[in-house]
Amino acid sequence: MQKSILSLKLKEYRKQKGITQEELAELLDVSNKSISKWELGNGYPSKKNMIKISEMLNVSLEALMIEEQKDESRSKKSIQYALISYCIIFVFTILIKGLKEKELYQGILSSDVSEIIKIVMMTFGQNIYIALVPAIIIGLVFYFYIIPKQQVD
C-alpha cells in the first residue's frame, strides 16, 4: 500500500519527540502493531486516537489532516487536467482525421443509424489511444510541477 502524508508525518513527529512505536502505543492504549500499520500507510487511527496523537506529539490536528487533504486534491486536480487534455486532444485528432478522410464521411447522414454508429465506433476505436500519452504527460507535469508551484505562491 502507498504511504500517505499522514503516515509519513506521524513517523516524523514521533521520532522528533524521541518516542518509540511501543511507547506511543502504550500512551494511546493500542498495540505497537497498530502504530506500525499507521506509519506504513496500511490503516488510519481513529478520531479519538488522532486527537491523542496530536496532543502527545504537540502537533496540531490540522497539521496531520490538512496535509493529507492537500495531497488528495493535488491528485484530483492532476487527473482532471489529464482527462480534460485527453478529451481536447482526442476531439482535435478526430476532427483533423475527419478533414483528411472526407470520402469516408461523405453522405454519412443519409446512412442507416446502425451504419452511422458503426462508423463512429470504428473511428473512436482506431483513435482512442492517440491522445493517451500526451494527456498522461500533461497530468504528470501538473502533478509534479504546476500544482506544487501554485501551492507555494
C-alpha atoms as a PDB file:
ATOM      1  CA  MET A   1       0.000   0.000   0.000  1.00  0.00           C
ATOM      2  CA  GLN A   2       1.222   3.525  -0.788  1.00  0.00           C
ATOM      3  CA  LYS A   3       2.371   5.623   2.142  1.00  0.00           C
ATOM      4  CA  SER A   4       0.145   8.573   2.887  1.00  0.00           C
ATOM      5  CA  ILE A   5       1.207  12.001   4.060  1.00  0.00           C
ATOM      6  CA  LEU A   6      -0.336  11.167   7.438  1.00  0.00           C
ATOM      7  CA  SER A   7       1.767   8.022   7.825  1.00  0.00           C
ATOM      8  CA  LEU A   8       4.980   9.843   6.939  1.00  0.00           C
ATOM      9  CA  LYS A   9       4.195  12.775   9.236  1.00  0.00           C
ATOM     10  CA  LEU A  10       3.220  10.510  12.127  1.00  0.00           C
ATOM     11  CA  LYS A  11       6.582   8.744  11.976  1.00  0.00           C
ATOM     12  CA  GLU A  12       8.457  12.036  11.557  1.00  0.00           C
ATOM     13  CA  TYR A  13       6.752  13.738  14.514  1.00  0.00           C
ATOM     14  CA  ARG A  14       7.107  10.632  16.707  1.00  0.00           C
ATOM     15  CA  LYS A  15      10.849  10.454  16.008  1.00  0.00           C
ATOM     16  CA  GLN A  16      11.266  14.210  16.614  1.00  0.00           C
ATOM     17  CA  LYS A  17       9.826  13.693  20.106  1.00  0.00           C
ATOM     18  CA  GLY A  18      12.118  10.689  20.668  1.00  0.00           C
ATOM     19  CA  ILE A  19       9.185   8.330  21.246  1.00  0.00           C
ATOM     20  CA  THR A  20       9.322   4.713  20.079  1.00  0.00           C
ATOM     21  CA  GLN A  21       6.375   2.946  18.488  1.00  0.00           C
ATOM     22  CA  GLU A  22       5.991   0.884  21.667  1.00  0.00           C
ATOM     23  CA  GLU A  23       5.886   3.976  23.875  1.00  0.00           C
ATOM     24  CA  LEU A  24       3.328   5.712  21.657  1.00  0.00           C
ATOM     25  CA  ALA A  25       1.244   2.534  21.554  1.00  0.00           C
ATOM     26  CA  GLU A  26       1.280   2.348  25.345  1.00  0.00           C
ATOM     27  CA  LEU A  27       0.266   6.009  25.676  1.00  0.00           C
ATOM     28  CA  LEU A  28      -2.609   5.506  23.208  1.00  0.00           C
ATOM     29  CA  ASP A  29      -3.594   2.157  24.701  1.00  0.00           C
ATOM     30  CA  VAL A  30      -3.225   0.337  21.376  1.00  0.00           C
ATOM     31  CA  SER A  31      -0.821  -2.335  20.166  1.00  0.00           C
ATOM     32  CA  ASN A  32       2.538  -1.387  18.675  1.00  0.00           C
ATOM     33  CA  LYS A  33       1.353  -3.225  15.548  1.00  0.00           C
ATOM     34  CA  SER A  34      -1.348  -0.559  15.179  1.00  0.00           C
ATOM     35  CA  ILE A  35       1.271   2.202  15.259  1.00  0.00           C
ATOM     36  CA  SER A  36       3.333   0.289  12.708  1.00  0.00           C
ATOM     37  CA  LYS A  37       0.273  -0.119  10.452  1.00  0.00           C
ATOM     38  CA  TRP A  38      -0.482   3.604  10.628  1.00  0.00           C
ATOM     39  CA  GLU A  39       3.116   4.544   9.825  1.00  0.00           C
ATOM     40  CA  LEU A  40       3.213   2.121   6.890  1.00  0.00           C
ATOM     41  CA  GLY A  41       0.005   3.585   5.491  1.00  0.00           C
ATOM     42  CA  ASN A  42      -1.947   0.345   5.976  1.00  0.00           C
ATOM     43  CA  GLY A  43      -4.566   1.947   8.189  1.00  0.00           C
ATOM     44  CA  TYR A  44      -5.586   5.116   9.953  1.00  0.00           C
ATOM     45  CA  PRO A  45      -6.009   5.934  13.625  1.00  0.00           C
ATOM     46  CA  SER A  46      -9.498   6.583  14.929  1.00  0.00           C
ATOM     47  CA  LYS A  47     -10.630  10.166  15.518  1.00  0.00           C
ATOM     48  CA  LYS A  48     -10.106   9.685  19.246  1.00  0.00           C
ATOM     49  CA  ASN A  49      -6.554   8.457  18.681  1.00  0.00           C
ATOM     50  CA  MET A  50      -5.837  11.267  16.207  1.00  0.00           C
ATOM     51  CA  ILE A  51      -6.704  13.777  18.926  1.00  0.00           C
ATOM     52  CA  LYS A  52      -4.498  11.941  21.443  1.00  0.00           C
ATOM     53  CA  ILE A  53      -1.630  11.773  18.942  1.00  0.00           C
ATOM     54  CA  SER A  54      -1.837  15.497  18.245  1.00  0.00           C
ATOM     55  CA  GLU A  55      -1.761  16.221  21.991  1.00  0.00           C
ATOM     56  CA  MET A  56       1.086  13.795  22.777  1.00  0.00           C
ATOM     57  CA  LEU A  57       3.283  14.837  19.885  1.00  0.00           C
ATOM     58  CA  ASN A  58       2.377  18.512  20.337  1.00  0.00           C
ATOM     59  CA  VAL A  59       1.249  18.758  16.707  1.00  0.00           C
ATOM     60  CA  SER A  60      -1.996  20.357  15.685  1.00  0.00           C
ATOM     61  CA  LEU A  61      -4.680  18.045  14.408  1.00  0.00           C
ATOM     62  CA  GLU A  62      -4.960  20.269  11.362  1.00  0.00           C
ATOM     63  CA  ALA A  63      -1.296  19.707  10.509  1.00  0.00           C
ATOM     64  CA  LEU A  64      -1.903  15.967  10.381  1.00  0.00           C
ATOM     65  CA  MET A  65      -5.188  16.152   8.470  1.00  0.00           C
ATOM     66  CA  ILE A  66      -4.784  19.143   6.131  1.00  0.00           C
ATOM     67  CA  GLU A  67      -1.603  17.807   4.585  1.00  0.00           C
ATOM     68  CA  GLU A  68      -3.464  14.593   3.775  1.00  0.00           C
ATOM     69  CA  GLN A  69      -6.224  16.568   2.074  1.00  0.00           C
ATOM     70  CA  LYS A  70      -3.736  18.660   0.079  1.00  0.00           C
ATOM     71  CA  ASP A  71      -2.208  15.535  -1.423  1.00  0.00           C
ATOM     72  CA  GLU A  72      -5.657  14.198  -2.368  1.00  0.00           C
ATOM     73  CA  SER A  73      -6.687  17.485  -4.010  1.00  0.00           C
ATOM     74  CA  ARG A  74      -3.369  17.589  -5.873  1.00  0.00           C
ATOM     75  CA  SER A  75      -4.033  14.122  -7.312  1.00  0.00           C
ATOM     76  CA  LYS A  76      -7.609  15.083  -8.158  1.00  0.00           C
ATOM     77  CA  LYS A  77      -6.525  18.240  -9.988  1.00  0.00           C
ATOM     78  CA  SER A  78      -3.846  16.361 -11.874  1.00  0.00           C
ATOM     79  CA  ILE A  79      -6.321  13.707 -13.023  1.00  0.00           C
ATOM     80  CA  GLN A  80      -8.822  16.390 -14.027  1.00  0.00           C
ATOM     81  CA  TYR A  81      -6.224  18.213 -16.130  1.00  0.00           C
ATOM     82  CA  ALA A  82      -5.143  14.933 -17.732  1.00  0.00           C
ATOM     83  CA  LEU A  83      -8.750  13.985 -18.589  1.00  0.00           C
ATOM     84  CA  ILE A  84      -9.536  17.419 -19.990  1.00  0.00           C
ATOM     85  CA  SER A  85      -6.327  17.333 -22.025  1.00  0.00           C
ATOM     86  CA  TYR A  86      -7.179  13.850 -23.274  1.00  0.00           C
ATOM     87  CA  CYS A  87     -10.636  14.931 -24.417  1.00  0.00           C
ATOM     88  CA  ILE A  88      -9.342  18.047 -26.173  1.00  0.00           C
ATOM     89  CA  ILE A  89      -6.528  16.189 -27.932  1.00  0.00           C
ATOM     90  CA  PHE A  90      -8.897  13.362 -28.885  1.00  0.00           C
ATOM     91  CA  VAL A  91     -11.508  15.722 -30.350  1.00  0.00           C
ATOM     92  CA  PHE A  92      -8.901  17.607 -32.380  1.00  0.00           C
ATOM     93  CA  THR A  93      -7.450  14.311 -33.616  1.00  0.00           C
ATOM     94  CA  ILE A  94     -10.875  13.129 -34.777  1.00  0.00           C
ATOM     95  CA  LEU A  95     -11.584  16.488 -36.462  1.00  0.00           C
ATOM     96  CA  ILE A  96      -8.251  16.513 -38.290  1.00  0.00           C
ATOM     97  CA  LYS A  97      -8.642  12.896 -39.407  1.00  0.00           C
ATOM     98  CA  GLY A  98     -12.198  13.670 -40.495  1.00  0.00           C
ATOM     99  CA  LEU A  99     -10.969  16.522 -42.654  1.00  0.00           C
ATOM    100  CA  LYS A 100      -8.232  14.362 -44.153  1.00  0.00           C
ATOM    101  CA  GLU A 101     -10.543  11.424 -44.869  1.00  0.00           C
ATOM    102  CA  LYS A 102     -13.577  13.307 -46.211  1.00  0.00           C
ATOM    103  CA  GLU A 103     -14.648  10.499 -48.524  1.00  0.00           C
ATOM    104  CA  LEU A 104     -15.255   8.163 -45.556  1.00  0.00           C
ATOM    105  CA  TYR A 105     -17.742  10.584 -44.022  1.00  0.00           C
ATOM    106  CA  GLN A 106     -19.500  11.922 -47.141  1.00  0.00           C
ATOM    107  CA  GLY A 107     -23.141  11.010 -47.119  1.00  0.00           C
ATOM    108  CA  ILE A 108     -22.966   9.739 -43.536  1.00  0.00           C
ATOM    109  CA  LEU A 109     -26.195  11.499 -42.562  1.00  0.00           C
ATOM    110  CA  SER A 110     -28.123   9.711 -45.310  1.00  0.00           C
ATOM    111  CA  SER A 111     -26.894   6.350 -43.997  1.00  0.00           C
ATOM    112  CA  ASP A 112     -28.743   3.957 -41.739  1.00  0.00           C
ATOM    113  CA  VAL A 113     -28.427   4.642 -37.974  1.00  0.00           C
ATOM    114  CA  SER A 114     -26.618   1.339 -37.423  1.00  0.00           C
ATOM    115  CA  GLU A 115     -24.144   2.297 -40.173  1.00  0.00           C
ATOM    116  CA  ILE A 116     -23.525   5.690 -38.526  1.00  0.00           C
ATOM    117  CA  ILE A 117     -22.923   4.018 -35.149  1.00  0.00           C
ATOM    118  CA  LYS A 118     -20.570   1.515 -36.792  1.00  0.00           C
ATOM    119  CA  ILE A 119     -18.511   4.305 -38.402  1.00  0.00           C
ATOM    120  CA  VAL A 120     -18.400   6.356 -35.187  1.00  0.00           C
ATOM    121  CA  MET A 121     -17.356   3.344 -33.068  1.00  0.00           C
ATOM    122  CA  MET A 122     -14.742   2.284 -35.613  1.00  0.00           C
ATOM    123  CA  THR A 123     -13.274   5.799 -35.716  1.00  0.00           C
ATOM    124  CA  PHE A 124     -13.365   6.018 -31.939  1.00  0.00           C
ATOM    125  CA  GLY A 125     -11.661   2.630 -31.544  1.00  0.00           C
ATOM    126  CA  GLN A 126      -8.934   3.464 -34.047  1.00  0.00           C
ATOM    127  CA  ASN A 127      -8.079   6.776 -32.412  1.00  0.00           C
ATOM    128  CA  ILE A 128      -8.677   6.269 -28.688  1.00  0.00           C
ATOM    129  CA  TYR A 129      -5.021   5.752 -27.779  1.00  0.00           C
ATOM    130  CA  ILE A 130      -3.567   8.634 -29.803  1.00  0.00           C
ATOM    131  CA  ALA A 131      -4.297  11.207 -27.091  1.00  0.00           C
ATOM    132  CA  LEU A 132      -3.358   8.975 -24.156  1.00  0.00           C
ATOM    133  CA  VAL A 133       0.395   9.609 -23.950  1.00  0.00           C
ATOM    134  CA  PRO A 134       0.187  13.418 -24.270  1.00  0.00           C
ATOM    135  CA  ALA A 135      -2.619  13.522 -21.696  1.00  0.00           C
ATOM    136  CA  ILE A 136      -0.576  11.450 -19.217  1.00  0.00           C
ATOM    137  CA  ILE A 137       2.407  13.737 -19.736  1.00  0.00           C
ATOM    138  CA  ILE A 138       0.244  16.823 -19.167  1.00  0.00           C
ATOM    139  CA  GLY A 139      -1.224  15.264 -15.996  1.00  0.00           C
ATOM    140  CA  LEU A 140       2.256  14.470 -14.655  1.00  0.00           C
ATOM    141  CA  VAL A 141       3.506  17.979 -15.430  1.00  0.00           C
ATOM    142  CA  PHE A 142       0.600  19.407 -13.442  1.00  0.00           C
ATOM    143  CA  TYR A 143       1.118  16.932 -10.564  1.00  0.00           C
ATOM    144  CA  PHE A 144       4.863  17.408 -10.149  1.00  0.00           C
ATOM    145  CA  TYR A 145       5.430  20.970 -11.311  1.00  0.00           C
ATOM    146  CA  ILE A 146       2.481  23.318 -11.761  1.00  0.00           C
ATOM    147  CA  ILE A 147       0.276  22.398  -8.763  1.00  0.00           C
ATOM    148  CA  PRO A 148       3.155  22.405  -6.214  1.00  0.00           C
ATOM    149  CA  LYS A 149       4.313  25.747  -7.598  1.00  0.00           C
ATOM    150  CA  GLN A 150       0.789  27.171  -7.166  1.00  0.00           C
ATOM    151  CA  GLN A 151       0.663  25.913  -3.565  1.00  0.00           C
ATOM    152  CA  VAL A 152       3.950  27.698  -2.751  1.00  0.00           C
ATOM    153  CA  ASP A 153       2.751  31.003  -4.241  1.00  0.00           C
END
